[in-house]
PDB file of N, CA and C in Angstrom:
ATOM      1  N   MET A   1     -25.103 -10.338 -15.300  1.00  0.00           N
ATOM      2  CA  MET A   1     -24.198  -9.330 -14.804  1.00  0.00           C
ATOM      3  C   MET A   1     -23.983  -9.497 -13.310  1.00  0.00           C
ATOM      4  N   ALA A   2     -24.323 -10.664 -12.778  1.00  0.00           N
ATOM      5  CA  ALA A   2     -24.154 -10.921 -11.355  1.00  0.00           C
ATOM      6  C   ALA A   2     -22.681 -11.059 -10.984  1.00  0.00           C
ATOM      7  N   ASP A   3     -21.801 -11.320 -11.969  1.00  0.00           N
ATOM      8  CA  ASP A   3     -20.384 -11.487 -11.693  1.00  0.00           C
ATOM      9  C   ASP A   3     -19.612 -10.166 -11.737  1.00  0.00           C
ATOM     10  N   ALA A   4     -20.290  -9.076 -11.979  1.00  0.00           N
ATOM     11  CA  ALA A   4     -19.609  -7.781 -12.065  1.00  0.00           C
ATOM     12  C   ALA A   4     -19.026  -7.425 -10.700  1.00  0.00           C
ATOM     13  N   LYS A   5     -17.777  -7.007 -10.724  1.00  0.00           N
ATOM     14  CA  LYS A   5     -17.090  -6.665  -9.483  1.00  0.00           C
ATOM     15  C   LYS A   5     -17.378  -5.218  -9.115  1.00  0.00           C
ATOM     16  N   THR A   6     -17.422  -4.985  -7.825  1.00  0.00           N
ATOM     17  CA  THR A   6     -17.577  -3.609  -7.375  1.00  0.00           C
ATOM     18  C   THR A   6     -16.239  -2.894  -7.514  1.00  0.00           C
ATOM     19  N   LYS A   7     -16.285  -1.594  -7.443  1.00  0.00           N
ATOM     20  CA  LYS A   7     -15.060  -0.804  -7.569  1.00  0.00           C
ATOM     21  C   LYS A   7     -14.104  -1.118  -6.418  1.00  0.00           C
ATOM     22  N   VAL A   8     -14.623  -1.289  -5.215  1.00  0.00           N
ATOM     23  CA  VAL A   8     -13.786  -1.594  -4.054  1.00  0.00           C
ATOM     24  C   VAL A   8     -13.102  -2.947  -4.239  1.00  0.00           C
ATOM     25  N   GLU A   9     -13.833  -3.922  -4.759  1.00  0.00           N
ATOM     26  CA  GLU A   9     -13.259  -5.256  -4.971  1.00  0.00           C
ATOM     27  C   GLU A   9     -12.163  -5.221  -6.033  1.00  0.00           C
ATOM     28  N   SER A  10     -12.383  -4.457  -7.088  1.00  0.00           N
ATOM     29  CA  SER A  10     -11.349  -4.375  -8.124  1.00  0.00           C
ATOM     30  C   SER A  10     -10.115  -3.633  -7.622  1.00  0.00           C
ATOM     31  N   ILE A  11     -10.304  -2.622  -6.784  1.00  0.00           N
ATOM     32  CA  ILE A  11      -9.158  -1.914  -6.182  1.00  0.00           C
ATOM     33  C   ILE A  11      -8.407  -2.857  -5.251  1.00  0.00           C
ATOM     34  N   ARG A  12      -9.136  -3.641  -4.457  1.00  0.00           N
ATOM     35  CA  ARG A  12      -8.491  -4.577  -3.533  1.00  0.00           C
ATOM     36  C   ARG A  12      -7.663  -5.601  -4.305  1.00  0.00           C
ATOM     37  N   GLU A  13      -8.194  -6.097  -5.411  1.00  0.00           N
ATOM     38  CA  GLU A  13      -7.434  -7.063  -6.209  1.00  0.00           C
ATOM     39  C   GLU A  13      -6.174  -6.434  -6.789  1.00  0.00           C
ATOM     40  N   TRP A  14      -6.272  -5.178  -7.229  1.00  0.00           N
ATOM     41  CA  TRP A  14      -5.092  -4.499  -7.765  1.00  0.00           C
ATOM     42  C   TRP A  14      -4.041  -4.330  -6.679  1.00  0.00           C
ATOM     43  N   VAL A  15      -4.474  -3.963  -5.463  1.00  0.00           N
ATOM     44  CA  VAL A  15      -3.531  -3.794  -4.351  1.00  0.00           C
ATOM     45  C   VAL A  15      -2.877  -5.128  -4.006  1.00  0.00           C
ATOM     46  N   VAL A  16      -3.637  -6.218  -4.054  1.00  0.00           N
ATOM     47  CA  VAL A  16      -3.081  -7.543  -3.770  1.00  0.00           C
ATOM     48  C   VAL A  16      -1.999  -7.891  -4.787  1.00  0.00           C
ATOM     49  N   GLU A  17      -2.231  -7.576  -6.035  1.00  0.00           N
ATOM     50  CA  GLU A  17      -1.255  -7.897  -7.079  1.00  0.00           C
ATOM     51  C   GLU A  17      -0.053  -6.960  -7.082  1.00  0.00           C
ATOM     52  N   HIS A  18      -0.204  -5.743  -6.610  1.00  0.00           N
ATOM     53  CA  HIS A  18       0.851  -4.728  -6.681  1.00  0.00           C
ATOM     54  C   HIS A  18       1.112  -4.101  -5.315  1.00  0.00           C
ATOM     55  N   LYS A  19       1.448  -4.916  -4.340  1.00  0.00           N
ATOM     56  CA  LYS A  19       1.648  -4.420  -2.971  1.00  0.00           C
ATOM     57  C   LYS A  19       2.782  -3.400  -2.874  1.00  0.00           C
ATOM     58  N   LEU A  20       3.921  -3.720  -3.447  1.00  0.00           N
ATOM     59  CA  LEU A  20       5.067  -2.811  -3.317  1.00  0.00           C
ATOM     60  C   LEU A  20       4.842  -1.515  -4.084  1.00  0.00           C
ATOM     61  N   ARG A  21       4.195  -1.594  -5.219  1.00  0.00           N
ATOM     62  CA  ARG A  21       3.885  -0.384  -5.977  1.00  0.00           C
ATOM     63  C   ARG A  21       2.931   0.510  -5.175  1.00  0.00           C
ATOM     64  N   THR A  22       1.968  -0.107  -4.494  1.00  0.00           N
ATOM     65  CA  THR A  22       1.031   0.646  -3.671  1.00  0.00           C
ATOM     66  C   THR A  22       1.747   1.341  -2.527  1.00  0.00           C
ATOM     67  N   VAL A  23       2.624   0.617  -1.849  1.00  0.00           N
ATOM     68  CA  VAL A  23       3.378   1.208  -0.737  1.00  0.00           C
ATOM     69  C   VAL A  23       4.275   2.333  -1.245  1.00  0.00           C
ATOM     70  N   GLY A  24       4.924   2.136  -2.383  1.00  0.00           N
ATOM     71  CA  GLY A  24       5.782   3.174  -2.943  1.00  0.00           C
ATOM     72  C   GLY A  24       5.006   4.422  -3.326  1.00  0.00           C
ATOM     73  N   CYS A  25       3.834   4.239  -3.918  1.00  0.00           N
ATOM     74  CA  CYS A  25       3.007   5.393  -4.281  1.00  0.00           C
ATOM     75  C   CYS A  25       2.511   6.134  -3.042  1.00  0.00           C
ATOM     76  N   LEU A  26       2.143   5.385  -2.012  1.00  0.00           N
ATOM     77  CA  LEU A  26       1.734   6.042  -0.768  1.00  0.00           C
ATOM     78  C   LEU A  26       2.889   6.805  -0.152  1.00  0.00           C
ATOM     79  N   TRP A  27       4.092   6.233  -0.191  1.00  0.00           N
ATOM     80  CA  TRP A  27       5.266   6.921   0.345  1.00  0.00           C
ATOM     81  C   TRP A  27       5.531   8.208  -0.424  1.00  0.00           C
ATOM     82  N   LEU A  28       5.500   8.126  -1.748  1.00  0.00           N
ATOM     83  CA  LEU A  28       5.769   9.304  -2.572  1.00  0.00           C
ATOM     84  C   LEU A  28       4.721  10.392  -2.354  1.00  0.00           C
ATOM     85  N   SER A  29       3.461  10.003  -2.309  1.00  0.00           N
ATOM     86  CA  SER A  29       2.426  11.014  -2.077  1.00  0.00           C
ATOM     87  C   SER A  29       2.511  11.569  -0.662  1.00  0.00           C
ATOM     88  N   GLY A  30       2.885  10.737   0.298  1.00  0.00           N
ATOM     89  CA  GLY A  30       3.033  11.216   1.679  1.00  0.00           C
ATOM     90  C   GLY A  30       4.154  12.214   1.827  1.00  0.00           C
ATOM     91  N   ILE A  31       5.302  11.918   1.235  1.00  0.00           N
ATOM     92  CA  ILE A  31       6.424  12.838   1.368  1.00  0.00           C
ATOM     93  C   ILE A  31       6.174  14.124   0.573  1.00  0.00           C
ATOM     94  N   THR A  32       5.495  14.017  -0.580  1.00  0.00           N
ATOM     95  CA  THR A  32       5.170  15.208  -1.367  1.00  0.00           C
ATOM     96  C   THR A  32       4.187  16.107  -0.614  1.00  0.00           C
ATOM     97  N   GLY A  33       3.163  15.508  -0.060  1.00  0.00           N
ATOM     98  CA  GLY A  33       2.194  16.284   0.711  1.00  0.00           C
ATOM     99  C   GLY A  33       2.792  16.900   1.954  1.00  0.00           C
ATOM    100  N   SER A  34       3.658  16.161   2.614  1.00  0.00           N
ATOM    101  CA  SER A  34       4.287  16.670   3.824  1.00  0.00           C
ATOM    102  C   SER A  34       5.254  17.806   3.511  1.00  0.00           C
ATOM    103  N   VAL A  35       6.016  17.674   2.424  1.00  0.00           N
ATOM    104  CA  VAL A  35       6.921  18.761   2.028  1.00  0.00           C
ATOM    105  C   VAL A  35       6.112  20.002   1.684  1.00  0.00           C
ATOM    106  N   ALA A  36       5.016  19.818   0.953  1.00  0.00           N
ATOM    107  CA  ALA A  36       4.175  20.964   0.591  1.00  0.00           C
ATOM    108  C   ALA A  36       3.592  21.627   1.839  1.00  0.00           C
ATOM    109  N   TYR A  37       3.145  20.824   2.785  1.00  0.00           N
ATOM    110  CA  TYR A  37       2.588  21.376   4.025  1.00  0.00           C
ATOM    111  C   TYR A  37       3.660  22.083   4.845  1.00  0.00           C
ATOM    112  N   ASN A  38       4.812  21.448   4.997  1.00  0.00           N
ATOM    113  CA  ASN A  38       5.873  22.036   5.813  1.00  0.00           C
ATOM    114  C   ASN A  38       6.466  23.286   5.164  1.00  0.00           C
ATOM    115  N   TRP A  39       6.484  23.341   3.841  1.00  0.00           N
ATOM    116  CA  TRP A  39       7.043  24.521   3.181  1.00  0.00           C
ATOM    117  C   TRP A  39       6.139  25.742   3.340  1.00  0.00           C
ATOM    118  N   SER A  40       4.881  25.520   3.727  1.00  0.00           N
ATOM    119  CA  SER A  40       3.987  26.654   3.957  1.00  0.00           C
ATOM    120  C   SER A  40       4.222  27.302   5.317  1.00  0.00           C
ATOM    121  N   LYS A  41       5.053  26.690   6.144  1.00  0.00           N
ATOM    122  CA  LYS A  41       5.380  27.252   7.457  1.00  0.00           C
ATOM    123  C   LYS A  41       6.695  28.028   7.334  1.00  0.00           C
ATOM    124  N   PRO A  42       6.640  29.352   7.415  1.00  0.00           N
ATOM    125  CA  PRO A  42       7.844  30.149   7.166  1.00  0.00           C
ATOM    126  C   PRO A  42       8.838  30.174   8.333  1.00  0.00           C
ATOM    127  N   ASN A  43       8.450  29.771   9.518  1.00  0.00           N
ATOM    128  CA  ASN A  43       9.328  29.901  10.678  1.00  0.00           C
ATOM    129  C   ASN A  43      10.187  28.666  10.953  1.00  0.00           C
ATOM    130  N   MET A  44      10.267  27.722  10.015  1.00  0.00           N
ATOM    131  CA  MET A  44      11.079  26.519  10.202  1.00  0.00           C
ATOM    132  C   MET A  44      12.254  26.526   9.231  1.00  0.00           C
ATOM    133  N   LYS A  45      13.366  25.971   9.683  1.00  0.00           N
ATOM    134  CA  LYS A  45      14.522  25.842   8.801  1.00  0.00           C
ATOM    135  C   LYS A  45      14.245  24.759   7.761  1.00  0.00           C
ATOM    136  N   PRO A  46      14.837  24.868   6.569  1.00  0.00           N
ATOM    137  CA  PRO A  46      14.598  23.853   5.525  1.00  0.00           C
ATOM    138  C   PRO A  46      14.989  22.442   5.958  1.00  0.00           C
ATOM    139  N   SER A  47      16.055  22.321   6.737  1.00  0.00           N
ATOM    140  CA  SER A  47      16.460  20.975   7.175  1.00  0.00           C
ATOM    141  C   SER A  47      15.402  20.351   8.088  1.00  0.00           C
ATOM    142  N   VAL A  48      14.774  21.151   8.921  1.00  0.00           N
ATOM    143  CA  VAL A  48      13.721  20.638   9.809  1.00  0.00           C
ATOM    144  C   VAL A  48      12.492  20.255   8.984  1.00  0.00           C
ATOM    145  N   LYS A  49      12.199  21.038   7.954  1.00  0.00           N
ATOM    146  CA  LYS A  49      11.070  20.718   7.086  1.00  0.00           C
ATOM    147  C   LYS A  49      11.278  19.373   6.396  1.00  0.00           C
ATOM    148  N   ILE A  50      12.483  19.124   5.938  1.00  0.00           N
ATOM    149  CA  ILE A  50      12.786  17.856   5.259  1.00  0.00           C
ATOM    150  C   ILE A  50      12.709  16.690   6.242  1.00  0.00           C
ATOM    151  N   ILE A  51      13.217  16.896   7.439  1.00  0.00           N
ATOM    152  CA  ILE A  51      13.162  15.841   8.458  1.00  0.00           C
ATOM    153  C   ILE A  51      11.715  15.513   8.803  1.00  0.00           C
ATOM    154  N   HIS A  52      10.879  16.532   8.963  1.00  0.00           N
ATOM    155  CA  HIS A  52       9.466  16.294   9.270  1.00  0.00           C
ATOM    156  C   HIS A  52       8.779  15.554   8.122  1.00  0.00           C
ATOM    157  N   ALA A  53       9.089  15.937   6.894  1.00  0.00           N
ATOM    158  CA  ALA A  53       8.498  15.267   5.740  1.00  0.00           C
ATOM    159  C   ALA A  53       8.903  13.793   5.712  1.00  0.00           C
ATOM    160  N   ARG A  54      10.163  13.512   6.008  1.00  0.00           N
ATOM    161  CA  ARG A  54      10.625  12.126   6.016  1.00  0.00           C
ATOM    162  C   ARG A  54       9.929  11.320   7.109  1.00  0.00           C
ATOM    163  N   LEU A  55       9.759  11.926   8.279  1.00  0.00           N
ATOM    164  CA  LEU A  55       9.086  11.223   9.373  1.00  0.00           C
ATOM    165  C   LEU A  55       7.622  10.942   9.044  1.00  0.00           C
ATOM    166  N   HIS A  56       6.946  11.910   8.436  1.00  0.00           N
ATOM    167  CA  HIS A  56       5.554  11.679   8.048  1.00  0.00           C
ATOM    168  C   HIS A  56       5.454  10.575   7.009  1.00  0.00           C
ATOM    169  N   ALA A  57       6.341  10.602   6.024  1.00  0.00           N
ATOM    170  CA  ALA A  57       6.317   9.574   4.988  1.00  0.00           C
ATOM    171  C   ALA A  57       6.665   8.204   5.564  1.00  0.00           C
ATOM    172  N   GLN A  58       7.563   8.172   6.529  1.00  0.00           N
ATOM    173  CA  GLN A  58       7.927   6.898   7.145  1.00  0.00           C
ATOM    174  C   GLN A  58       6.739   6.313   7.907  1.00  0.00           C
ATOM    175  N   ALA A  59       6.014   7.144   8.623  1.00  0.00           N
ATOM    176  CA  ALA A  59       4.837   6.668   9.349  1.00  0.00           C
ATOM    177  C   ALA A  59       3.771   6.165   8.373  1.00  0.00           C
ATOM    178  N   LEU A  60       3.582   6.882   7.266  1.00  0.00           N
ATOM    179  CA  LEU A  60       2.621   6.453   6.260  1.00  0.00           C
ATOM    180  C   LEU A  60       3.040   5.142   5.612  1.00  0.00           C
ATOM    181  N   THR A  61       4.338   4.964   5.395  1.00  0.00           N
ATOM    182  CA  THR A  61       4.845   3.723   4.817  1.00  0.00           C
ATOM    183  C   THR A  61       4.619   2.544   5.753  1.00  0.00           C
ATOM    184  N   LEU A  62       4.872   2.746   7.036  1.00  0.00           N
ATOM    185  CA  LEU A  62       4.623   1.667   8.000  1.00  0.00           C
ATOM    186  C   LEU A  62       3.147   1.298   8.038  1.00  0.00           C
ATOM    187  N   ALA A  63       2.279   2.299   7.963  1.00  0.00           N
ATOM    188  CA  ALA A  63       0.841   2.020   7.941  1.00  0.00           C
ATOM    189  C   ALA A  63       0.466   1.265   6.663  1.00  0.00           C
ATOM    190  N   ALA A  64       1.058   1.640   5.534  1.00  0.00           N
ATOM    191  CA  ALA A  64       0.769   0.953   4.272  1.00  0.00           C
ATOM    192  C   ALA A  64       1.276  -0.489   4.302  1.00  0.00           C
ATOM    193  N   LEU A  65       2.450  -0.704   4.878  1.00  0.00           N
ATOM    194  CA  LEU A  65       2.974  -2.068   4.993  1.00  0.00           C
ATOM    195  C   LEU A  65       2.101  -2.918   5.908  1.00  0.00           C
ATOM    196  N   ALA A  66       1.617  -2.316   6.993  1.00  0.00           N
ATOM    197  CA  ALA A  66       0.713  -3.043   7.886  1.00  0.00           C
ATOM    198  C   ALA A  66      -0.582  -3.385   7.158  1.00  0.00           C
ATOM    199  N   GLY A  67      -1.088  -2.458   6.347  1.00  0.00           N
ATOM    200  CA  GLY A  67      -2.284  -2.731   5.556  1.00  0.00           C
ATOM    201  C   GLY A  67      -2.054  -3.839   4.546  1.00  0.00           C
ATOM    202  N   ALA A  68      -0.886  -3.825   3.892  1.00  0.00           N
ATOM    203  CA  ALA A  68      -0.561  -4.882   2.931  1.00  0.00           C
ATOM    204  C   ALA A  68      -0.447  -6.234   3.637  1.00  0.00           C
ATOM    205  N   ALA A  69       0.090  -6.234   4.855  1.00  0.00           N
ATOM    206  CA  ALA A  69       0.181  -7.472   5.621  1.00  0.00           C
ATOM    207  C   ALA A  69      -1.215  -7.995   5.980  1.00  0.00           C
ATOM    208  N   LEU A  70      -2.121  -7.086   6.307  1.00  0.00           N
ATOM    209  CA  LEU A  70      -3.492  -7.507   6.610  1.00  0.00           C
ATOM    210  C   LEU A  70      -4.185  -8.073   5.381  1.00  0.00           C
ATOM    211  N   VAL A  71      -3.964  -7.463   4.225  1.00  0.00           N
ATOM    212  CA  VAL A  71      -4.537  -7.989   2.982  1.00  0.00           C
ATOM    213  C   VAL A  71      -3.974  -9.377   2.693  1.00  0.00           C
ATOM    214  N   GLU A  72      -2.664  -9.539   2.878  1.00  0.00           N
ATOM    215  CA  GLU A  72      -2.032 -10.839   2.663  1.00  0.00           C
ATOM    216  C   GLU A  72      -2.575 -11.883   3.632  1.00  0.00           C
ATOM    217  N   TYR A  73      -2.765 -11.502   4.898  1.00  0.00           N
ATOM    218  CA  TYR A  73      -3.316 -12.409   5.903  1.00  0.00           C
ATOM    219  C   TYR A  73      -4.746 -12.815   5.532  1.00  0.00           C
ATOM    220  N   TYR A  74      -5.542 -11.843   5.090  1.00  0.00           N
ATOM    221  CA  TYR A  74      -6.914 -12.129   4.692  1.00  0.00           C
ATOM    222  C   TYR A  74      -6.947 -13.092   3.506  1.00  0.00           C
ATOM    223  N   ASP A  75      -6.084 -12.855   2.523  1.00  0.00           N
ATOM    224  CA  ASP A  75      -6.029 -13.758   1.371  1.00  0.00           C
ATOM    225  C   ASP A  75      -5.599 -15.156   1.776  1.00  0.00           C
ATOM    226  N   HIS A  76      -4.667 -15.244   2.712  1.00  0.00           N
ATOM    227  CA  HIS A  76      -4.198 -16.555   3.175  1.00  0.00           C
ATOM    228  C   HIS A  76      -5.310 -17.295   3.912  1.00  0.00           C
ATOM    229  N   LYS A  77      -6.030 -16.583   4.770  1.00  0.00           N
ATOM    230  CA  LYS A  77      -7.100 -17.215   5.545  1.00  0.00           C
ATOM    231  C   LYS A  77      -8.294 -17.603   4.674  1.00  0.00           C
ATOM    232  N   SER A  78      -8.613 -16.777   3.686  1.00  0.00           N
ATOM    233  CA  SER A  78      -9.786 -17.057   2.857  1.00  0.00           C
ATOM    234  C   SER A  78      -9.506 -18.107   1.794  1.00  0.00           C
ATOM    235  N   GLY A  79      -8.238 -18.399   1.539  1.00  0.00           N
ATOM    236  CA  GLY A  79      -7.889 -19.393   0.538  1.00  0.00           C
ATOM    237  C   GLY A  79      -7.824 -18.822  -0.867  1.00  0.00           C
ATOM    238  N   ALA A  80      -8.009 -17.519  -1.012  1.00  0.00           N
ATOM    239  CA  ALA A  80      -7.981 -16.904  -2.342  1.00  0.00           C
ATOM    240  C   ALA A  80      -6.605 -17.024  -2.977  1.00  0.00           C
ATOM    241  N   LYS A  81      -5.572 -16.937  -2.169  1.00  0.00           N
ATOM    242  CA  LYS A  81      -4.215 -17.027  -2.700  1.00  0.00           C
ATOM    243  C   LYS A  81      -3.930 -18.454  -3.181  1.00  0.00           C
ATOM    244  N   ALA A  82      -4.400 -19.439  -2.438  1.00  0.00           N
ATOM    245  CA  ALA A  82      -4.189 -20.837  -2.843  1.00  0.00           C
ATOM    246  C   ALA A  82      -4.923 -21.132  -4.153  1.00  0.00           C
ATOM    247  N   ASP A  83      -6.114 -20.576  -4.310  1.00  0.00           N
ATOM    248  CA  ASP A  83      -6.865 -20.782  -5.549  1.00  0.00           C
ATOM    249  C   ASP A  83      -6.162 -20.123  -6.732  1.00  0.00           C
ATOM    250  N   ARG A  84      -5.534 -18.989  -6.494  1.00  0.00           N
ATOM    251  CA  ARG A  84      -4.872 -18.252  -7.565  1.00  0.00           C
ATOM    252  C   ARG A  84      -3.680 -19.022  -8.112  1.00  0.00           C
ATOM    253  N   TYR A  85      -2.954 -19.740  -7.247  1.00  0.00           N
ATOM    254  CA  TYR A  85      -1.737 -20.435  -7.667  1.00  0.00           C
ATOM    255  C   TYR A  85      -1.913 -21.944  -7.778  1.00  0.00           C
ATOM    256  N   ALA A  86      -3.132 -22.445  -7.700  1.00  0.00           N
ATOM    257  CA  ALA A  86      -3.364 -23.886  -7.710  1.00  0.00           C
ATOM    258  C   ALA A  86      -2.926 -24.531  -9.015  1.00  0.00           C
ATOM    259  N   ASP A  87      -3.148 -23.845 -10.138  1.00  0.00           N
ATOM    260  CA  ASP A  87      -2.785 -24.460 -11.418  1.00  0.00           C
ATOM    261  C   ASP A  87      -1.291 -24.363 -11.708  1.00  0.00           C
ATOM    262  N   LEU A  88      -0.535 -23.595 -10.927  1.00  0.00           N
ATOM    263  CA  LEU A  88       0.904 -23.474 -11.131  1.00  0.00           C
ATOM    264  C   LEU A  88       1.704 -24.512 -10.344  1.00  0.00           C
ATOM    265  N   VAL A  89       1.098 -25.107  -9.350  1.00  0.00           N
ATOM    266  CA  VAL A  89       1.771 -26.092  -8.515  1.00  0.00           C
ATOM    267  C   VAL A  89       1.597 -27.464  -9.144  1.00  0.00           C
ATOM    268  N   PRO A  90       2.699 -28.192  -9.363  1.00  0.00           N
ATOM    269  CA  PRO A  90       2.563 -29.533  -9.945  1.00  0.00           C
ATOM    270  C   PRO A  90       1.904 -30.489  -8.951  1.00  0.00           C
ATOM    271  N   HIS A  91       1.017 -31.306  -9.468  1.00  0.00           N
ATOM    272  CA  HIS A  91       0.308 -32.272  -8.639  1.00  0.00           C
ATOM    273  C   HIS A  91       1.101 -33.564  -8.549  1.00  0.00           C
ATOM    274  N   LYS A  92       1.099 -34.150  -7.356  1.00  0.00           N
ATOM    275  CA  LYS A  92       1.762 -35.459  -7.163  1.00  0.00           C
ATOM    276  C   LYS A  92       0.715 -36.539  -7.397  1.00  0.00           C
ATOM    277  N   ASP A  93       0.938 -37.326  -8.426  1.00  0.00           N
ATOM    278  CA  ASP A  93      -0.018 -38.405  -8.747  1.00  0.00           C
ATOM    279  C   ASP A  93       0.496 -39.740  -8.288  1.00  0.00           C
TER     280      ASP A  93
END
């Protein structure tokens, strides 16, 4: 059972395989949470609440994209990505 992956490692692999889905889910949860938070403030106009929610979600999306870029950089440096696609690349004999 030495090959058993930790939960963090399995989550990291899922994020590597589904980068755009991860960013989209973070965006959706960010805008939902921000709308819920802003709607609890009664002294703001609805248009301002929506604008604030969009800005919060945009900042979260940029952070998620930066995180995905770091994961991609790590995979490139460690050679994990090359190992994953090695059997798909035709060899020149």
